[in-house]
Structure formats: structure tokens, C-alpha cells
């Protein structure tokens, strides 16, 4: 049975509407809105938003195959935030992806969680963006250190707590990685596995988001930081556009 507490929320696509709206703005339009909002935050906050945005590693992402426990989901989100991974993809099989906000501790605000209704949709989307899928599993052929030497676009694939990675996803993974173990336990919690592998994957990788994407995420950070930020922009004649169907 899935844990049920007041802090567990369906966080997939939480920021989708805002991200789509900000994506409609040109570079010049982004700069104009940033210029209005920046004076409303402290210099320290501006510097932190800039630094975190600049350090995001868009060439690394995660694909979770039907994760069940909201505490695990939240811990994975937090690891993505800590190691600079801006987007997490999830396959929802029969139940929505939930995360405990008491565990994620606000990281759900800074990581885009993209839900896919089927394995094919998720894999096709990632492959279409140029990602190589690498599965984390007990008999993987890559060592953790070898994984850390990879420099291409990688989508790390992790499976359900009980069933692991489903066959329809595993078949689409080009390679696999294993974390060596020397104790009686034969597996690690999925969130621990995520943290170990993300640390290795992102170590030495500089932030690599395109300039326009960095600007969009910086504006989104200001919007989330400043109370009634949309009203401030509307009063300045610079509203955030509402996305229409298909945009």
C-alpha cells in the first residue's frame, strides 16, 4: 500500500503551465521582466539564483519507471536539485507520481517533473532529444567510475522498488551500470542509487543549459521567489502570457 500523508502531492507537471508561458517570451521580453523583478530581491538571492541556474546540467536527466513510494520520489527530486539536474522524467503506470514535500524540502519547486503516460512516450521523447538511455541494474556492464567518464547526453533509468525496470523500457536502454556491493544486502534504495550515480555523472561537468533556457529558468526563479510577482509585472505592463492549446 502506498504511503498516505498530508505532505504527499502529485508533483508531475507542477511547473508545466509556467514553463510553457515563459517559453513564449523572447530574449528581450525575458530581460524586460527580469529588470522589473530583480530589484525586489536581495543581491544575495539574485546571485544564488544566477549561480544555481548557470550550474544546471541539462545533458543529464533521469527516467523513473513507475516509482511507487512518495518518500523515494521526493528523495530522488532532492538529489536532482542537489546535483544540478533540471528535469526528471517519470513513467506513470496505473498511478500518478507522488512525492512527499517534507522529504523534498522545497526541491520540487526547482526540478521540472515530466510525466509520461507510457514507456514508449517517455523513451521516444528522450531519444528524440538526443539522450542515450543507461539502466541502473545489478548486472550492469558499466562501472560507476566508467559512467562518470561519459560526456554525452545521458538519461539514467531507474526502476520500480519491487519490479525494477520494466522490459519495455529495458529493451530501449543502450547500456547499463552497476554499483558494486560487498555486503549481505543485494540492492540499494532507489534514492540512494540515484544520489551515487548522479554524483558521478555530474562530477566535472559544467553547467550547460543554452543561454535562452538559463534566462527562462532565472525568470521562473524570480517569479517563485517574489510574492505576487505576476501582479507586479502586470502593473508594469509586462504580464506573463497565458499559453494557448498547442503551445
Protein backbone atom coordinates (compact mmCIF):
# COMPACT_ATOMS: atom_id res chain seq x y z
CA UNK A 1 0.00 0.00 0.00
CA UNK A 2 1.26 3.47 -0.88
CA UNK A 3 2.09 5.80 1.99
CA UNK A 4 -0.61 8.38 2.52
CA UNK A 5 0.23 11.57 4.41
CA UNK A 6 -0.83 15.17 4.09
CA UNK A 7 2.58 16.07 2.68
CA UNK A 8 2.37 13.71 -0.33
CA UNK A 9 1.47 15.50 -3.54
CA UNK A 10 1.22 14.75 -7.25
CA UNK A 11 4.15 16.86 -8.42
CA UNK A 12 4.41 15.74 -12.03
CA UNK A 13 3.91 18.65 -14.43
CA UNK A 14 3.67 21.01 -11.44
CA UNK A 15 5.53 23.74 -13.34
CA UNK A 16 4.35 22.88 -16.84
CA UNK A 17 1.99 25.84 -17.30
CA UNK A 18 4.52 28.38 -16.02
CA UNK A 19 7.32 26.86 -18.10
CA UNK A 20 5.17 26.96 -21.24
CA UNK A 21 4.16 30.55 -20.56
CA UNK A 22 7.74 31.74 -20.01
CA UNK A 23 8.85 29.84 -23.12
CA UNK A 24 6.64 32.15 -25.21
CA UNK A 25 8.85 35.13 -24.32
CA UNK A 26 11.74 36.28 -26.49
CA UNK A 27 15.16 37.02 -25.03
CA UNK A 28 14.34 40.74 -24.98
CA UNK A 29 10.99 40.12 -23.29
CA UNK A 30 12.67 37.98 -20.66
CA UNK A 31 15.21 40.72 -19.93
CA UNK A 32 12.47 43.33 -19.54
CA UNK A 33 10.62 41.26 -16.95
CA UNK A 34 13.80 40.38 -15.10
CA UNK A 35 14.65 44.09 -14.90
CA UNK A 36 11.33 44.75 -13.14
CA UNK A 37 11.63 41.87 -10.65
CA UNK A 38 15.33 41.88 -9.76
CA UNK A 39 15.19 45.00 -7.57
CA UNK A 40 12.59 43.23 -5.39
CA UNK A 41 15.03 40.55 -4.19
CA UNK A 42 18.27 40.86 -2.26
CA UNK A 43 21.61 40.80 -4.03
CA UNK A 44 22.43 37.54 -2.28
CA UNK A 45 19.23 35.94 -3.61
CA UNK A 46 19.92 37.19 -7.13
CA UNK A 47 23.43 35.77 -7.02
CA UNK A 48 22.20 32.43 -5.77
CA UNK A 49 19.51 32.16 -8.44
CA UNK A 50 22.08 33.02 -11.10
CA UNK A 51 24.65 30.57 -9.78
CA UNK A 52 22.22 27.67 -9.45
CA UNK A 53 20.74 28.34 -12.89
CA UNK A 54 24.17 28.59 -14.52
CA UNK A 55 25.26 25.31 -12.89
CA UNK A 56 22.30 23.27 -14.15
CA UNK A 57 23.38 20.28 -16.25
CA UNK A 58 20.82 19.79 -19.00
CA UNK A 59 22.82 16.98 -20.62
CA UNK A 60 21.88 14.70 -17.71
CA UNK A 61 18.35 13.61 -16.84
CA UNK A 62 16.57 10.77 -15.04
CA UNK A 63 13.79 8.45 -16.10
CA UNK A 64 11.91 6.74 -13.26
CA UNK A 65 9.83 3.74 -14.26
CA UNK A 66 6.68 3.73 -12.13
CA UNK A 67 8.18 4.63 -8.77
CA UNK A 68 5.66 3.87 -6.02
CA UNK A 69 6.81 5.32 -2.68
CA UNK A 70 6.33 9.11 -2.32
CA UNK A 71 9.28 9.30 0.07
CA UNK A 72 11.53 7.73 -2.55
CA UNK A 73 10.15 10.04 -5.22
CA UNK A 74 10.83 13.07 -3.06
CA UNK A 75 14.38 11.95 -2.25
CA UNK A 76 15.09 11.49 -5.96
CA UNK A 77 13.80 15.01 -6.69
CA UNK A 78 16.03 16.39 -3.96
CA UNK A 79 19.07 14.59 -5.40
CA UNK A 80 18.28 16.04 -8.85
CA UNK A 81 18.25 19.52 -7.35
CA UNK A 82 21.44 18.97 -5.32
CA UNK A 83 23.41 17.68 -8.31
CA UNK A 84 22.09 20.26 -10.76
CA UNK A 85 19.78 18.08 -12.87
CA UNK A 86 16.94 20.36 -14.03
CA UNK A 87 14.43 17.80 -15.30
CA UNK A 88 13.14 14.44 -14.06
CA UNK A 89 11.03 12.20 -16.29
CA UNK A 90 8.60 9.66 -14.84
CA UNK A 91 6.52 6.89 -16.35
CA UNK A 92 3.15 6.62 -14.63
CA UNK A 93 1.75 3.09 -14.79
CA UNK A 94 -1.67 2.95 -13.17
CA UNK A 95 -0.98 5.60 -10.51
CA UNK A 96 0.34 9.17 -10.53
CA UNK A 97 3.85 10.02 -9.38
CA UNK A 98 3.68 11.34 -5.81
CA UNK A 99 6.36 12.97 -3.68
CA UNK A 100 6.47 13.88 -0.01
CA UNK A 101 7.20 17.58 0.27
CA UNK A 102 8.51 17.08 3.81
CA UNK A 103 11.28 14.95 2.27
CA UNK A 104 11.92 17.01 -0.86
CA UNK A 105 12.05 20.15 1.35
CA UNK A 106 11.25 22.58 -1.46
CA UNK A 107 13.29 20.91 -4.19
CA UNK A 108 10.06 20.16 -6.06
CA UNK A 109 9.94 23.91 -6.81
CA UNK A 110 13.21 23.79 -8.73
CA UNK A 111 13.08 20.50 -10.63
CA UNK A 112 10.71 20.01 -13.55
CA UNK A 113 8.96 16.63 -13.23
CA UNK A 114 7.63 15.49 -16.60
CA UNK A 115 5.05 12.69 -16.55
CA UNK A 116 4.62 10.24 -19.43
CA UNK A 117 1.58 8.04 -19.84
CA UNK A 118 3.51 5.18 -21.41
CA UNK A 119 7.01 3.82 -21.68
CA UNK A 120 7.04 4.41 -25.43
CA UNK A 121 6.15 8.08 -25.00
CA UNK A 122 8.91 8.59 -22.44
CA UNK A 123 11.62 6.78 -24.34
CA UNK A 124 10.71 8.33 -27.69
CA UNK A 125 10.78 11.81 -26.15
CA UNK A 126 14.21 11.31 -24.61
CA UNK A 127 15.74 9.63 -27.65
CA UNK A 128 14.29 12.40 -29.79
CA UNK A 129 16.21 14.91 -27.64
CA UNK A 130 19.44 13.00 -28.21
CA UNK A 131 19.69 11.20 -24.86
CA UNK A 132 21.26 7.75 -24.50
CA UNK A 133 19.36 5.62 -22.00
CA UNK A 134 21.53 3.83 -19.42
CA UNK A 135 19.82 1.46 -17.00
CA UNK A 136 20.88 1.07 -13.37
CA UNK A 137 20.70 -2.64 -12.55
CA UNK A 138 22.52 -5.36 -10.58
CA UNK A 139 24.20 -6.95 -13.62
CA UNK A 140 25.16 -3.79 -15.49
CA UNK A 141 28.30 -3.78 -17.61
CA UNK A 142 29.47 -0.23 -16.80
CA UNK A 143 31.23 0.57 -13.55
CA UNK A 144 30.31 3.72 -11.65
CA UNK A 145 33.68 5.28 -12.47
CA UNK A 146 33.27 4.46 -16.16
CA UNK A 147 29.85 6.10 -16.09
CA UNK A 148 31.46 9.22 -14.68
CA UNK A 149 33.74 9.43 -17.73
CA UNK A 150 30.80 9.68 -20.12
CA UNK A 151 30.33 13.13 -21.64
CA UNK A 152 27.33 12.72 -23.94
CA UNK A 153 23.66 13.32 -23.15
CA UNK A 154 22.58 10.62 -20.72
CA UNK A 155 19.20 9.63 -19.33
CA UNK A 156 19.75 7.45 -16.28
CA UNK A 157 16.95 4.89 -15.95
CA UNK A 158 15.82 3.55 -12.56
CA UNK A 159 13.00 1.14 -11.89
CA UNK A 160 10.14 0.44 -9.52
CA UNK A 161 11.07 -0.51 -5.93
CA UNK A 162 9.71 -4.05 -6.30
CA UNK A 163 9.79 -4.89 -10.01
CA UNK A 164 12.74 -2.86 -11.22
CA UNK A 165 12.87 -1.56 -14.78
CA UNK A 166 10.07 -2.98 -16.94
CA UNK A 167 11.08 -4.96 -20.01
CA UNK A 168 9.59 -2.46 -22.46
CA UNK A 169 11.92 0.20 -21.09
CA UNK A 170 14.96 -2.03 -20.56
CA UNK A 171 14.90 -3.07 -24.21
CA UNK A 172 15.38 0.55 -25.21
CA UNK A 173 18.39 1.13 -22.94
CA UNK A 174 21.66 1.12 -24.83
CA UNK A 175 23.78 0.15 -21.83
CA UNK A 176 23.57 -0.46 -18.08
CA UNK A 177 25.55 0.47 -14.97
CA UNK A 178 26.10 -1.39 -11.71
CA UNK A 179 27.04 -0.17 -8.25
CA UNK A 180 29.39 -2.79 -6.73
CA UNK A 181 28.35 -4.21 -3.36
CA UNK A 182 30.31 -6.21 -0.83
CA UNK A 183 27.82 -6.83 1.97
CA UNK A 184 24.88 -9.18 2.54
CA UNK A 185 22.41 -6.71 1.04
CA UNK A 186 21.98 -7.18 -2.69
CA UNK A 187 20.45 -3.81 -3.55
CA UNK A 188 20.24 -0.17 -2.52
CA UNK A 189 17.22 2.05 -2.06
CA UNK A 190 16.41 3.73 -5.36
CA UNK A 191 17.05 7.19 -3.94
CA UNK A 192 20.49 6.16 -2.68
CA UNK A 193 21.31 4.67 -6.07
CA UNK A 194 20.22 7.91 -7.70
CA UNK A 195 22.45 10.03 -5.47
CA UNK A 196 25.53 7.86 -6.05
CA UNK A 197 25.13 7.78 -9.82
CA UNK A 198 24.21 11.46 -10.20
CA UNK A 199 27.23 12.46 -8.14
CA UNK A 200 29.46 10.52 -10.51
CA UNK A 201 27.68 11.64 -13.67
CA UNK A 202 27.71 15.34 -12.87
CA UNK A 203 31.18 15.49 -11.30
CA UNK A 204 33.35 17.65 -13.53
CA UNK A 205 30.51 18.62 -15.85
CA UNK A 206 29.98 22.37 -16.12
CA UNK A 207 26.52 23.87 -16.37
CA UNK A 208 25.46 23.50 -19.98
CA UNK A 209 21.98 24.95 -20.43
CA UNK A 210 21.65 27.16 -23.53
CA UNK A 211 21.59 30.90 -22.72
CA UNK A 212 17.88 31.26 -23.51
CA UNK A 213 16.98 28.33 -21.26
CA UNK A 214 19.08 29.81 -18.45
CA UNK A 215 17.24 33.12 -18.83
CA UNK A 216 13.88 31.38 -18.71
CA UNK A 217 14.77 29.45 -15.58
CA UNK A 218 16.15 32.56 -13.92
CA UNK A 219 12.89 34.43 -14.55
CA UNK A 220 10.92 31.46 -13.24
CA UNK A 221 13.09 31.56 -10.13
CA UNK A 222 12.26 35.22 -9.58
CA UNK A 223 8.57 34.54 -10.12
CA UNK A 224 8.63 31.80 -7.47
CA UNK A 225 10.64 33.90 -5.04
CA UNK A 226 8.68 37.16 -5.11
CA UNK A 227 5.23 37.30 -3.58
CA UNK A 228 2.55 38.42 -6.08
CA UNK A 229 5.21 38.65 -8.78
CA UNK A 230 2.70 38.31 -11.60
CA UNK A 231 0.72 41.26 -10.30
CA UNK A 232 3.91 43.31 -10.19
CA UNK A 233 4.60 42.50 -13.84
CA UNK A 234 1.03 43.23 -14.88
CA UNK A 235 1.19 46.62 -13.16
CA UNK A 236 4.35 47.34 -15.17
CA UNK A 237 2.58 46.40 -18.39
CA UNK A 238 4.70 43.26 -18.78
CA UNK A 239 2.42 40.30 -17.97
CA UNK A 240 3.40 36.66 -18.28
CA UNK A 241 1.49 35.40 -21.34
CA UNK A 242 -1.07 32.65 -20.94
CA UNK A 243 -0.20 29.63 -23.10
CA UNK A 244 -2.88 28.53 -25.53
CA UNK A 245 -3.75 24.99 -26.61
CA UNK A 246 -0.92 23.51 -28.61
CA UNK A 247 1.79 25.88 -27.32
